[in-house]
């Protein structure tokens, strides 16, 4: 009977001890996580205290428990050692080893001086072979599991070279020119130059633009008859001689454009040559802007160079007039 109660007492005591142990284990506090600043300082201290890494430009950054090593080291062993030192700091979640190895340039070894060979002495014992150098502890340490930086992406392909093409305007192509100065039969001298710009793009038969609108042109007055010296008959004849495109002068040859006043008592004008009858002065309709305003005043009577000619009055080509010249030969340009 006494033995029975003794066994029950031992069982109850064992259960109490086990319960107390479980209580103590449940009351043990979990270690608080380490903040990034403390973790970063600990890794810096650990790596800086390693004499084998002295003078290595290693940078350390920490975010959310992820530590990143960057910079350059002089060997693979130093790169591995830095990662091992960092992994010894508690609290690191992930280690990114972005260190790169930069080999130091070495000068070529000088050639040893040759000495005459001597016979070995029989009295001396051959020296024992030198033991191999002990392996570095850094090479024996297992490499930590880290995330290495990815390889550099290949350079982008070079841009394709632009292929030049030649655009040809056939003879008979029309050049719409807006004059930028006034010409008058009473004051203009034959051989004098005049200037203007293209009023619209000039393209070949395939729609390729050879000369853009606004391209400067230069022309020449080939004939100018003063009404007072030619029995009341006056005339102006002009031609385009060249244009400037992309800094280059392109010679041109066009049909002449003529504004001519007829005899006294007649108040009409005739245009002979390349210009169409309605193309004498269109008042800048194609050019817009200032040309439209000037042309509105000049276009109603086809300008002073047309219906305004009466009894010996002079003919003129006002500024901002649109004159359509025709090429007499083909022109090729490279774009």
C-alpha atoms as a PDB file:
ATOM      1  CA  UNK A   1       0.000   0.000   0.000  1.00  0.00           C
ATOM      2  CA  UNK A   2       2.821   2.370   0.876  1.00  0.00           C
ATOM      3  CA  UNK A   3       4.540   1.537  -2.417  1.00  0.00           C
ATOM      4  CA  UNK A   4       1.404   2.426  -4.350  1.00  0.00           C
ATOM      5  CA  UNK A   5       1.148   5.900  -2.810  1.00  0.00           C
ATOM      6  CA  UNK A   6       4.880   6.402  -3.378  1.00  0.00           C
ATOM      7  CA  UNK A   7       4.531   5.757  -7.093  1.00  0.00           C
ATOM      8  CA  UNK A   8       1.616   8.186  -7.372  1.00  0.00           C
ATOM      9  CA  UNK A   9       3.627  10.851  -5.565  1.00  0.00           C
ATOM     10  CA  UNK A  10       6.539  10.442  -7.972  1.00  0.00           C
ATOM     11  CA  UNK A  11       4.220  10.694 -10.998  1.00  0.00           C
ATOM     12  CA  UNK A  12       2.578  13.899  -9.722  1.00  0.00           C
ATOM     13  CA  UNK A  13       5.987  15.447  -9.010  1.00  0.00           C
ATOM     14  CA  UNK A  14       7.223  14.633 -12.524  1.00  0.00           C
ATOM     15  CA  UNK A  15       4.139  16.197 -14.093  1.00  0.00           C
ATOM     16  CA  UNK A  16       4.674  19.358 -12.014  1.00  0.00           C
ATOM     17  CA  UNK A  17       8.299  19.667 -13.080  1.00  0.00           C
ATOM     18  CA  UNK A  18       7.365  19.199 -16.776  1.00  0.00           C
ATOM     19  CA  UNK A  19       4.601  21.837 -16.488  1.00  0.00           C
ATOM     20  CA  UNK A  20       6.982  24.296 -14.836  1.00  0.00           C
ATOM     21  CA  UNK A  21       9.524  23.773 -17.622  1.00  0.00           C
ATOM     22  CA  UNK A  22       6.895  24.459 -20.279  1.00  0.00           C
ATOM     23  CA  UNK A  23       5.836  27.625 -18.472  1.00  0.00           C
ATOM     24  CA  UNK A  24       9.379  28.893 -18.295  1.00  0.00           C
ATOM     25  CA  UNK A  25       9.919  28.150 -21.997  1.00  0.00           C
ATOM     26  CA  UNK A  26       6.723  30.020 -22.927  1.00  0.00           C
ATOM     27  CA  UNK A  27       7.761  33.035 -20.881  1.00  0.00           C
ATOM     28  CA  UNK A  28      11.083  33.371 -22.739  1.00  0.00           C
ATOM     29  CA  UNK A  29      11.059  36.595 -24.739  1.00  0.00           C
ATOM     30  CA  UNK A  30      11.806  36.602 -28.476  1.00  0.00           C
ATOM     31  CA  UNK A  31      14.808  38.737 -29.433  1.00  0.00           C
ATOM     32  CA  UNK A  32      13.825  42.122 -30.839  1.00  0.00           C
ATOM     33  CA  UNK A  33      14.721  42.705 -34.495  1.00  0.00           C
ATOM     34  CA  UNK A  34      17.778  44.844 -35.182  1.00  0.00           C
ATOM     35  CA  UNK A  35      17.117  48.224 -36.918  1.00  0.00           C
ATOM     36  CA  UNK A  36      18.872  49.058 -40.178  1.00  0.00           C
ATOM     37  CA  UNK A  37      21.198  51.710 -38.721  1.00  0.00           C
ATOM     38  CA  UNK A  38      22.469  49.381 -35.967  1.00  0.00           C
ATOM     39  CA  UNK A  39      22.820  46.530 -38.454  1.00  0.00           C
ATOM     40  CA  UNK A  40      24.714  48.750 -40.916  1.00  0.00           C
ATOM     41  CA  UNK A  41      27.135  49.976 -38.202  1.00  0.00           C
ATOM     42  CA  UNK A  42      27.726  46.405 -37.032  1.00  0.00           C
ATOM     43  CA  UNK A  43      28.630  45.235 -40.541  1.00  0.00           C
ATOM     44  CA  UNK A  44      30.941  48.242 -41.056  1.00  0.00           C
ATOM     45  CA  UNK A  45      32.682  47.566 -37.738  1.00  0.00           C
ATOM     46  CA  UNK A  46      33.087  43.884 -38.570  1.00  0.00           C
ATOM     47  CA  UNK A  47      34.615  44.499 -42.006  1.00  0.00           C
ATOM     48  CA  UNK A  48      36.766  47.450 -40.849  1.00  0.00           C
ATOM     49  CA  UNK A  49      38.208  45.296 -38.054  1.00  0.00           C
ATOM     50  CA  UNK A  50      39.433  42.649 -40.490  1.00  0.00           C
ATOM     51  CA  UNK A  51      43.103  43.427 -41.178  1.00  0.00           C
ATOM     52  CA  UNK A  52      43.015  41.441 -44.416  1.00  0.00           C
ATOM     53  CA  UNK A  53      40.510  43.945 -45.834  1.00  0.00           C
ATOM     54  CA  UNK A  54      42.404  47.070 -44.814  1.00  0.00           C
ATOM     55  CA  UNK A  55      42.393  49.809 -47.432  1.00  0.00           C
ATOM     56  CA  UNK A  56      39.657  48.170 -49.534  1.00  0.00           C
ATOM     57  CA  UNK A  57      37.007  50.735 -50.672  1.00  0.00           C
ATOM     58  CA  UNK A  58      33.956  48.764 -49.532  1.00  0.00           C
ATOM     59  CA  UNK A  59      30.619  50.575 -49.168  1.00  0.00           C
ATOM     60  CA  UNK A  60      27.771  49.161 -47.080  1.00  0.00           C
ATOM     61  CA  UNK A  61      24.088  50.018 -47.282  1.00  0.00           C
ATOM     62  CA  UNK A  62      21.174  48.484 -45.323  1.00  0.00           C
ATOM     63  CA  UNK A  63      17.425  48.625 -45.944  1.00  0.00           C
ATOM     64  CA  UNK A  64      14.782  46.437 -44.243  1.00  0.00           C
ATOM     65  CA  UNK A  65      17.421  43.997 -43.051  1.00  0.00           C
ATOM     66  CA  UNK A  66      18.916  43.601 -46.548  1.00  0.00           C
ATOM     67  CA  UNK A  67      22.628  44.449 -46.553  1.00  0.00           C
ATOM     68  CA  UNK A  68      24.372  45.362 -49.828  1.00  0.00           C
ATOM     69  CA  UNK A  69      28.150  45.396 -50.291  1.00  0.00           C
ATOM     70  CA  UNK A  70      29.456  47.529 -53.159  1.00  0.00           C
ATOM     71  CA  UNK A  71      32.792  48.910 -54.316  1.00  0.00           C
ATOM     72  CA  UNK A  72      35.985  47.219 -55.518  1.00  0.00           C
ATOM     73  CA  UNK A  73      38.436  44.764 -53.951  1.00  0.00           C
ATOM     74  CA  UNK A  74      41.773  43.509 -55.226  1.00  0.00           C
ATOM     75  CA  UNK A  75      41.035  39.757 -55.268  1.00  0.00           C
ATOM     76  CA  UNK A  76      38.315  37.120 -55.239  1.00  0.00           C
ATOM     77  CA  UNK A  77      39.516  36.034 -51.795  1.00  0.00           C
ATOM     78  CA  UNK A  78      38.892  39.547 -50.423  1.00  0.00           C
ATOM     79  CA  UNK A  79      35.415  39.569 -51.988  1.00  0.00           C
ATOM     80  CA  UNK A  80      34.556  36.254 -50.317  1.00  0.00           C
ATOM     81  CA  UNK A  81      36.084  37.346 -46.999  1.00  0.00           C
ATOM     82  CA  UNK A  82      33.999  40.524 -46.907  1.00  0.00           C
ATOM     83  CA  UNK A  83      30.821  38.496 -47.464  1.00  0.00           C
ATOM     84  CA  UNK A  84      31.805  36.009 -44.716  1.00  0.00           C
ATOM     85  CA  UNK A  85      32.489  38.853 -42.251  1.00  0.00           C
ATOM     86  CA  UNK A  86      29.124  40.431 -42.973  1.00  0.00           C
ATOM     87  CA  UNK A  87      27.228  37.142 -42.598  1.00  0.00           C
ATOM     88  CA  UNK A  88      28.600  36.780 -39.049  1.00  0.00           C
ATOM     89  CA  UNK A  89      26.568  39.804 -37.917  1.00  0.00           C
ATOM     90  CA  UNK A  90      23.216  38.574 -36.489  1.00  0.00           C
ATOM     91  CA  UNK A  91      20.025  40.055 -37.846  1.00  0.00           C
ATOM     92  CA  UNK A  92      20.857  40.067 -41.597  1.00  0.00           C
ATOM     93  CA  UNK A  93      17.997  38.805 -43.721  1.00  0.00           C
ATOM     94  CA  UNK A  94      19.664  38.941 -47.148  1.00  0.00           C
ATOM     95  CA  UNK A  95      23.222  39.844 -48.205  1.00  0.00           C
ATOM     96  CA  UNK A  96      23.781  41.272 -51.716  1.00  0.00           C
ATOM     97  CA  UNK A  97      27.461  40.969 -52.627  1.00  0.00           C
ATOM     98  CA  UNK A  98      27.963  43.533 -55.423  1.00  0.00           C
ATOM     99  CA  UNK A  99      31.711  43.834 -54.905  1.00  0.00           C
ATOM    100  CA  UNK A 100      33.806  43.744 -58.069  1.00  0.00           C
ATOM    101  CA  UNK A 101      37.393  42.525 -58.359  1.00  0.00           C
ATOM    102  CA  UNK A 102      39.841  45.035 -59.846  1.00  0.00           C
ATOM    103  CA  UNK A 103      43.213  43.485 -60.515  1.00  0.00           C
ATOM    104  CA  UNK A 104      46.176  45.775 -59.872  1.00  0.00           C
ATOM    105  CA  UNK A 105      48.481  46.267 -62.841  1.00  0.00           C
ATOM    106  CA  UNK A 106      51.811  44.559 -62.347  1.00  0.00           C
ATOM    107  CA  UNK A 107      55.108  45.497 -63.920  1.00  0.00           C
ATOM    108  CA  UNK A 108      56.896  42.773 -65.933  1.00  0.00           C
ATOM    109  CA  UNK A 109      59.328  40.697 -63.865  1.00  0.00           C
ATOM    110  CA  UNK A 110      62.991  41.400 -64.678  1.00  0.00           C
ATOM    111  CA  UNK A 111      64.936  38.568 -66.241  1.00  0.00           C
ATOM    112  CA  UNK A 112      67.307  36.953 -63.733  1.00  0.00           C
ATOM    113  CA  UNK A 113      71.025  37.235 -64.417  1.00  0.00           C
ATOM    114  CA  UNK A 114      72.568  34.068 -65.727  1.00  0.00           C
ATOM    115  CA  UNK A 115      75.401  32.605 -63.664  1.00  0.00           C
ATOM    116  CA  UNK A 116      77.768  29.840 -64.732  1.00  0.00           C
ATOM    117  CA  UNK A 117      76.563  26.421 -63.656  1.00  0.00           C
ATOM    118  CA  UNK A 118      78.652  24.692 -60.967  1.00  0.00           C
ATOM    119  CA  UNK A 119      78.797  21.045 -60.180  1.00  0.00           C
ATOM    120  CA  UNK A 120      77.035  20.118 -56.965  1.00  0.00           C
ATOM    121  CA  UNK A 121      79.294  19.325 -54.024  1.00  0.00           C
ATOM    122  CA  UNK A 122      79.328  15.663 -53.053  1.00  0.00           C
ATOM    123  CA  UNK A 123      79.822  16.474 -49.392  1.00  0.00           C
ATOM    124  CA  UNK A 124      76.563  18.382 -49.114  1.00  0.00           C
ATOM    125  CA  UNK A 125      73.279  16.621 -48.705  1.00  0.00           C
ATOM    126  CA  UNK A 126      70.503  17.668 -51.035  1.00  0.00           C
ATOM    127  CA  UNK A 127      68.205  20.102 -49.384  1.00  0.00           C
ATOM    128  CA  UNK A 128      64.739  18.910 -48.628  1.00  0.00           C
ATOM    129  CA  UNK A 129      61.963  20.210 -50.839  1.00  0.00           C
ATOM    130  CA  UNK A 130      60.282  23.280 -49.427  1.00  0.00           C
ATOM    131  CA  UNK A 131      56.897  22.466 -47.979  1.00  0.00           C
ATOM    132  CA  UNK A 132      53.983  23.933 -49.926  1.00  0.00           C
ATOM    133  CA  UNK A 133      52.640  27.161 -48.497  1.00  0.00           C
ATOM    134  CA  UNK A 134      49.689  26.695 -46.204  1.00  0.00           C
ATOM    135  CA  UNK A 135      46.414  27.253 -47.890  1.00  0.00           C
ATOM    136  CA  UNK A 136      44.711  30.520 -47.079  1.00  0.00           C
ATOM    137  CA  UNK A 137      41.845  30.219 -44.581  1.00  0.00           C
ATOM    138  CA  UNK A 138      39.859  32.489 -46.883  1.00  0.00           C
ATOM    139  CA  UNK A 139      39.844  29.940 -49.697  1.00  0.00           C
ATOM    140  CA  UNK A 140      38.788  27.127 -47.340  1.00  0.00           C
ATOM    141  CA  UNK A 141      35.805  28.994 -45.924  1.00  0.00           C
ATOM    142  CA  UNK A 142      32.555  27.982 -47.597  1.00  0.00           C
ATOM    143  CA  UNK A 143      31.133  30.664 -49.822  1.00  0.00           C
ATOM    144  CA  UNK A 144      27.977  32.164 -48.319  1.00  0.00           C
ATOM    145  CA  UNK A 145      24.713  32.085 -50.175  1.00  0.00           C
ATOM    146  CA  UNK A 146      24.486  35.626 -51.529  1.00  0.00           C
ATOM    147  CA  UNK A 147      22.854  37.412 -54.426  1.00  0.00           C
ATOM    148  CA  UNK A 148      25.553  38.473 -56.874  1.00  0.00           C
ATOM    149  CA  UNK A 149      25.047  41.473 -59.117  1.00  0.00           C
ATOM    150  CA  UNK A 150      23.897  40.592 -62.674  1.00  0.00           C
ATOM    151  CA  UNK A 151      26.240  40.864 -65.623  1.00  0.00           C
ATOM    152  CA  UNK A 152      26.408  44.185 -67.416  1.00  0.00           C
ATOM    153  CA  UNK A 153      23.973  44.412 -70.366  1.00  0.00           C
ATOM    154  CA  UNK A 154      25.478  44.456 -73.860  1.00  0.00           C
ATOM    155  CA  UNK A 155      25.914  47.890 -75.463  1.00  0.00           C
ATOM    156  CA  UNK A 156      23.001  49.110 -77.614  1.00  0.00           C
ATOM    157  CA  UNK A 157      23.342  48.585 -81.346  1.00  0.00           C
ATOM    158  CA  UNK A 158      24.703  51.498 -83.321  1.00  0.00           C
ATOM    159  CA  UNK A 159      22.063  53.517 -85.212  1.00  0.00           C
ATOM    160  CA  UNK A 160      21.577  52.701 -88.860  1.00  0.00           C
ATOM    161  CA  UNK A 161      23.337  55.021 -91.263  1.00  0.00           C
ATOM    162  CA  UNK A 162      21.156  57.278 -93.357  1.00  0.00           C
ATOM    163  CA  UNK A 163      21.408  56.546 -97.063  1.00  0.00           C
ATOM    164  CA  UNK A 164      21.602  59.610 -99.314  1.00  0.00           C
ATOM    165  CA  UNK A 165      19.205  59.755-102.257  1.00  0.00           C
ATOM    166  CA  UNK A 166      19.112  61.873-105.369  1.00  0.00           C
ATOM    167  CA  UNK A 167      15.957  63.815-106.281  1.00  0.00           C
ATOM    168  CA  UNK A 168      15.613  65.058-109.858  1.00  0.00           C
ATOM    169  CA  UNK A 169      13.255  67.790-111.082  1.00  0.00           C
ATOM    170  CA  UNK A 170      12.511  67.347-114.769  1.00  0.00           C
ATOM    171  CA  UNK A 171      12.544  70.210-117.256  1.00  0.00           C
ATOM    172  CA  UNK A 172       9.177  71.966-117.200  1.00  0.00           C
ATOM    173  CA  UNK A 173       8.802  71.674-113.424  1.00  0.00           C
ATOM    174  CA  UNK A 174       7.151  74.762-111.921  1.00  0.00           C
ATOM    175  CA  UNK A 175       8.851  76.955-109.296  1.00  0.00           C
ATOM    176  CA  UNK A 176       6.284  79.177-107.513  1.00  0.00           C
ATOM    177  CA  UNK A 177       8.303  82.253-106.431  1.00  0.00           C
ATOM    178  CA  UNK A 178       7.138  85.033-104.122  1.00  0.00           C
ATOM    179  CA  UNK A 179       9.113  88.216-104.796  1.00  0.00           C
ATOM    180  CA  UNK A 180      10.441  90.138-101.818  1.00  0.00           C
ATOM    181  CA  UNK A 181      11.138  93.450-103.579  1.00  0.00           C
ATOM    182  CA  UNK A 182       9.297  95.650-106.083  1.00  0.00           C
ATOM    183  CA  UNK A 183      10.470  95.959-109.692  1.00  0.00           C
ATOM    184  CA  UNK A 184       9.461  98.908-111.922  1.00  0.00           C
ATOM    185  CA  UNK A 185      10.168  99.447-115.617  1.00  0.00           C
ATOM    186  CA  UNK A 186      10.941 103.117-114.991  1.00  0.00           C
ATOM    187  CA  UNK A 187      13.687 102.546-112.412  1.00  0.00           C
ATOM    188  CA  UNK A 188      14.924  98.968-112.842  1.00  0.00           C
ATOM    189  CA  UNK A 189      18.011  98.471-114.987  1.00  0.00           C
ATOM    190  CA  UNK A 190      18.613  95.392-117.170  1.00  0.00           C
ATOM    191  CA  UNK A 191      21.090  93.009-115.567  1.00  0.00           C
ATOM    192  CA  UNK A 192      20.115  93.939-111.992  1.00  0.00           C
ATOM    193  CA  UNK A 193      19.279  91.176-109.531  1.00  0.00           C
ATOM    194  CA  UNK A 194      16.054  90.544-107.662  1.00  0.00           C
ATOM    195  CA  UNK A 195      15.245  88.218-104.775  1.00  0.00           C
ATOM    196  CA  UNK A 196      12.410  86.081-103.491  1.00  0.00           C
ATOM    197  CA  UNK A 197      11.502  82.786-101.830  1.00  0.00           C
ATOM    198  CA  UNK A 198       9.689  79.637-102.908  1.00  0.00           C
ATOM    199  CA  UNK A 199       6.000  80.016-102.099  1.00  0.00           C
ATOM    200  CA  UNK A 200       5.452  76.238-101.787  1.00  0.00           C
ATOM    201  CA  UNK A 201       7.369  72.942-101.692  1.00  0.00           C
ATOM    202  CA  UNK A 202       8.751  71.798-105.045  1.00  0.00           C
ATOM    203  CA  UNK A 203       8.604  67.992-105.474  1.00  0.00           C
ATOM    204  CA  UNK A 204       9.510  65.491-108.172  1.00  0.00           C
ATOM    205  CA  UNK A 205       6.973  63.265-109.891  1.00  0.00           C
ATOM    206  CA  UNK A 206       7.163  60.737-107.018  1.00  0.00           C
ATOM    207  CA  UNK A 207       6.310  63.338-104.378  1.00  0.00           C
ATOM    208  CA  UNK A 208       9.848  63.665-102.988  1.00  0.00           C
ATOM    209  CA  UNK A 209      10.470  67.254-101.872  1.00  0.00           C
ATOM    210  CA  UNK A 210      13.521  68.699-103.611  1.00  0.00           C
ATOM    211  CA  UNK A 211      13.214  72.276-102.277  1.00  0.00           C
ATOM    212  CA  UNK A 212      11.045  73.346 -99.351  1.00  0.00           C
ATOM    213  CA  UNK A 213       8.826  76.400 -99.170  1.00  0.00           C
ATOM    214  CA  UNK A 214      10.762  79.459 -98.006  1.00  0.00           C
ATOM    215  CA  UNK A 215      13.959  78.519 -99.867  1.00  0.00           C
ATOM    216  CA  UNK A 216      15.685  81.776-100.973  1.00  0.00           C
ATOM    217  CA  UNK A 217      16.002  82.375-104.716  1.00  0.00           C
ATOM    218  CA  UNK A 218      17.971  84.882-106.789  1.00  0.00           C
ATOM    219  CA  UNK A 219      16.920  86.155-110.194  1.00  0.00           C
ATOM    220  CA  UNK A 220      17.968  88.648-112.845  1.00  0.00           C
ATOM    221  CA  UNK A 221      16.182  91.382-114.780  1.00  0.00           C
ATOM    222  CA  UNK A 222      16.949  90.513-118.396  1.00  0.00           C
ATOM    223  CA  UNK A 223      14.980  93.396-119.944  1.00  0.00           C
ATOM    224  CA  UNK A 224      13.495  96.678-118.690  1.00  0.00           C
ATOM    225  CA  UNK A 225      11.868  99.203-121.072  1.00  0.00           C
ATOM    226  CA  UNK A 226      10.948 102.635-119.814  1.00  0.00           C
ATOM    227  CA  UNK A 227       7.621 103.849-121.244  1.00  0.00           C
ATOM    228  CA  UNK A 228       8.996 107.361-121.801  1.00  0.00           C
ATOM    229  CA  UNK A 229      11.756 106.086-124.082  1.00  0.00           C
ATOM    230  CA  UNK A 230       9.813 103.448-126.021  1.00  0.00           C
ATOM    231  CA  UNK A 231       6.786 105.388-127.345  1.00  0.00           C
ATOM    232  CA  UNK A 232       4.595 104.534-124.430  1.00  0.00           C
ATOM    233  CA  UNK A 233       5.361 100.830-124.494  1.00  0.00           C
ATOM    234  CA  UNK A 234       6.958  99.504-121.286  1.00  0.00           C
ATOM    235  CA  UNK A 235       8.146  95.991-120.339  1.00  0.00           C
ATOM    236  CA  UNK A 236       9.855  94.002-117.599  1.00  0.00           C
ATOM    237  CA  UNK A 237      11.411  90.549-118.131  1.00  0.00           C
ATOM    238  CA  UNK A 238      12.864  88.460-115.289  1.00  0.00           C
ATOM    239  CA  UNK A 239      14.323  84.983-114.847  1.00  0.00           C
ATOM    240  CA  UNK A 240      15.405  82.824-111.867  1.00  0.00           C
ATOM    241  CA  UNK A 241      19.135  82.064-111.900  1.00  0.00           C
ATOM    242  CA  UNK A 242      19.795  80.171-108.654  1.00  0.00           C
ATOM    243  CA  UNK A 243      18.540  79.199-105.208  1.00  0.00           C
ATOM    244  CA  UNK A 244      20.220  78.475-101.874  1.00  0.00           C
ATOM    245  CA  UNK A 245      19.536  75.046-100.363  1.00  0.00           C
ATOM    246  CA  UNK A 246      21.222  73.665 -97.239  1.00  0.00           C
ATOM    247  CA  UNK A 247      23.988  76.246 -97.524  1.00  0.00           C
ATOM    248  CA  UNK A 248      24.725  75.452-101.161  1.00  0.00           C
ATOM    249  CA  UNK A 249      24.003  77.531-104.277  1.00  0.00           C
ATOM    250  CA  UNK A 250      22.096  75.577-106.935  1.00  0.00           C
ATOM    251  CA  UNK A 251      22.227  77.145-110.441  1.00  0.00           C
ATOM    252  CA  UNK A 252      18.901  77.188-112.332  1.00  0.00           C
ATOM    253  CA  UNK A 253      17.678  78.041-115.807  1.00  0.00           C
ATOM    254  CA  UNK A 254      14.032  79.071-116.263  1.00  0.00           C
ATOM    255  CA  UNK A 255      11.823  80.454-118.984  1.00  0.00           C
ATOM    256  CA  UNK A 256      11.576  84.269-118.898  1.00  0.00           C
ATOM    257  CA  UNK A 257       8.597  85.949-117.291  1.00  0.00           C
ATOM    258  CA  UNK A 258       7.517  89.208-118.979  1.00  0.00           C
ATOM    259  CA  UNK A 259       5.069  91.971-118.019  1.00  0.00           C
ATOM    260  CA  UNK A 260       4.535  94.267-121.046  1.00  0.00           C
ATOM    261  CA  UNK A 261       2.442  97.379-121.528  1.00  0.00           C
ATOM    262  CA  UNK A 262       0.905  97.841-124.993  1.00  0.00           C
ATOM    263  CA  UNK A 263       0.630 101.022-127.015  1.00  0.00           C
ATOM    264  CA  UNK A 264      -0.860 104.326-125.886  1.00  0.00           C
ATOM    265  CA  UNK A 265      -4.569 104.310-125.241  1.00  0.00           C
ATOM    266  CA  UNK A 266      -4.561 100.663-124.238  1.00  0.00           C
ATOM    267  CA  UNK A 267      -4.773  99.840-120.580  1.00  0.00           C
ATOM    268  CA  UNK A 268      -3.917  96.153-120.662  1.00  0.00           C
ATOM    269  CA  UNK A 269      -0.757  94.206-120.027  1.00  0.00           C
ATOM    270  CA  UNK A 270       0.472  90.964-121.523  1.00  0.00           C
ATOM    271  CA  UNK A 271       2.606  88.325-119.878  1.00  0.00           C
ATOM    272  CA  UNK A 272       4.804  86.325-122.234  1.00  0.00           C
ATOM    273  CA  UNK A 273       6.903  83.249-121.400  1.00  0.00           C
ATOM    274  CA  UNK A 274       6.699  80.795-118.545  1.00  0.00           C
ATOM    275  CA  UNK A 275       4.202  82.610-116.287  1.00  0.00           C
ATOM    276  CA  UNK A 276       0.504  81.706-116.655  1.00  0.00           C
ATOM    277  CA  UNK A 277      -1.931  84.549-117.341  1.00  0.00           C
ATOM    278  CA  UNK A 278      -3.410  84.386-113.844  1.00  0.00           C
ATOM    279  CA  UNK A 279      -0.017  83.920-112.242  1.00  0.00           C
ATOM    280  CA  UNK A 280       1.247  87.503-112.678  1.00  0.00           C
ATOM    281  CA  UNK A 281       0.489  88.746-109.176  1.00  0.00           C
ATOM    282  CA  UNK A 282      -1.559  86.460-106.955  1.00  0.00           C
ATOM    283  CA  UNK A 283      -0.977  88.681-103.974  1.00  0.00           C
ATOM    284  CA  UNK A 284       0.835  86.155-101.829  1.00  0.00           C
ATOM    285  CA  UNK A 285      -2.095  83.734-101.747  1.00  0.00           C
ATOM    286  CA  UNK A 286       0.377  80.853-101.744  1.00  0.00           C
ATOM    287  CA  UNK A 287       2.749  82.597 -99.351  1.00  0.00           C
ATOM    288  CA  UNK A 288       0.253  83.821 -96.724  1.00  0.00           C
ATOM    289  CA  UNK A 289       1.074  86.411 -94.045  1.00  0.00           C
ATOM    290  CA  UNK A 290       2.271  89.741 -95.359  1.00  0.00           C
ATOM    291  CA  UNK A 291       1.890  88.543 -98.953  1.00  0.00           C
ATOM    292  CA  UNK A 292      -1.839  87.995 -98.544  1.00  0.00           C
ATOM    293  CA  UNK A 293      -2.351  91.554 -97.318  1.00  0.00           C
ATOM    294  CA  UNK A 294      -0.271  93.162-100.062  1.00  0.00           C
ATOM    295  CA  UNK A 295      -1.736  90.913-102.723  1.00  0.00           C
ATOM    296  CA  UNK A 296      -5.298  91.789-101.740  1.00  0.00           C
ATOM    297  CA  UNK A 297      -4.629  95.387-102.779  1.00  0.00           C
ATOM    298  CA  UNK A 298      -2.581  94.496-105.851  1.00  0.00           C
ATOM    299  CA  UNK A 299      -4.539  91.466-107.031  1.00  0.00           C
ATOM    300  CA  UNK A 300      -7.828  93.265-107.722  1.00  0.00           C
ATOM    301  CA  UNK A 301      -6.391  94.958-110.824  1.00  0.00           C
ATOM    302  CA  UNK A 302      -3.682  92.317-111.378  1.00  0.00           C
ATOM    303  CA  UNK A 303      -1.256  94.824-109.838  1.00  0.00           C
ATOM    304  CA  UNK A 304       0.261  97.956-111.241  1.00  0.00           C
ATOM    305  CA  UNK A 305       1.954  95.764-113.861  1.00  0.00           C
ATOM    306  CA  UNK A 306      -1.276  94.809-115.656  1.00  0.00           C
ATOM    307  CA  UNK A 307      -4.557  96.741-116.074  1.00  0.00           C
ATOM    308  CA  UNK A 308      -3.116  99.907-114.560  1.00  0.00           C
ATOM    309  CA  UNK A 309      -0.982 100.583-117.656  1.00  0.00           C
ATOM    310  CA  UNK A 310      -2.489 103.627-119.400  1.00  0.00           C
ATOM    311  CA  UNK A 311      -0.893 105.932-121.958  1.00  0.00           C
ATOM    312  CA  UNK A 312       2.757 105.386-121.283  1.00  0.00           C
ATOM    313  CA  UNK A 313       2.546 104.464-117.640  1.00  0.00           C
ATOM    314  CA  UNK A 314       5.244 102.158-116.346  1.00  0.00           C
ATOM    315  CA  UNK A 315       4.680  98.455-115.601  1.00  0.00           C
ATOM    316  CA  UNK A 316       5.851  96.906-112.362  1.00  0.00           C
ATOM    317  CA  UNK A 317       6.003  93.664-110.416  1.00  0.00           C
ATOM    318  CA  UNK A 318       5.084  94.555-106.808  1.00  0.00           C
ATOM    319  CA  UNK A 319       6.720  92.915-103.812  1.00  0.00           C
ATOM    320  CA  UNK A 320       4.948  89.767-102.589  1.00  0.00           C
ATOM    321  CA  UNK A 321       3.857  88.843-106.123  1.00  0.00           C
ATOM    322  CA  UNK A 322       3.641  85.131-106.938  1.00  0.00           C
ATOM    323  CA  UNK A 323       5.342  84.275-110.243  1.00  0.00           C
ATOM    324  CA  UNK A 324       5.393  80.728-111.607  1.00  0.00           C
ATOM    325  CA  UNK A 325       8.655  80.005-113.425  1.00  0.00           C
ATOM    326  CA  UNK A 326       9.273  76.846-115.471  1.00  0.00           C
ATOM    327  CA  UNK A 327      12.616  75.064-115.530  1.00  0.00           C
ATOM    328  CA  UNK A 328      14.237  74.751-118.948  1.00  0.00           C
ATOM    329  CA  UNK A 329      16.558  71.946-117.842  1.00  0.00           C
ATOM    330  CA  UNK A 330      16.494  69.194-115.203  1.00  0.00           C
ATOM    331  CA  UNK A 331      17.972  69.760-111.721  1.00  0.00           C
ATOM    332  CA  UNK A 332      19.262  67.006-109.405  1.00  0.00           C
ATOM    333  CA  UNK A 333      19.903  67.379-105.669  1.00  0.00           C
ATOM    334  CA  UNK A 334      21.105  64.878-103.062  1.00  0.00           C
ATOM    335  CA  UNK A 335      19.224  64.583 -99.774  1.00  0.00           C
END
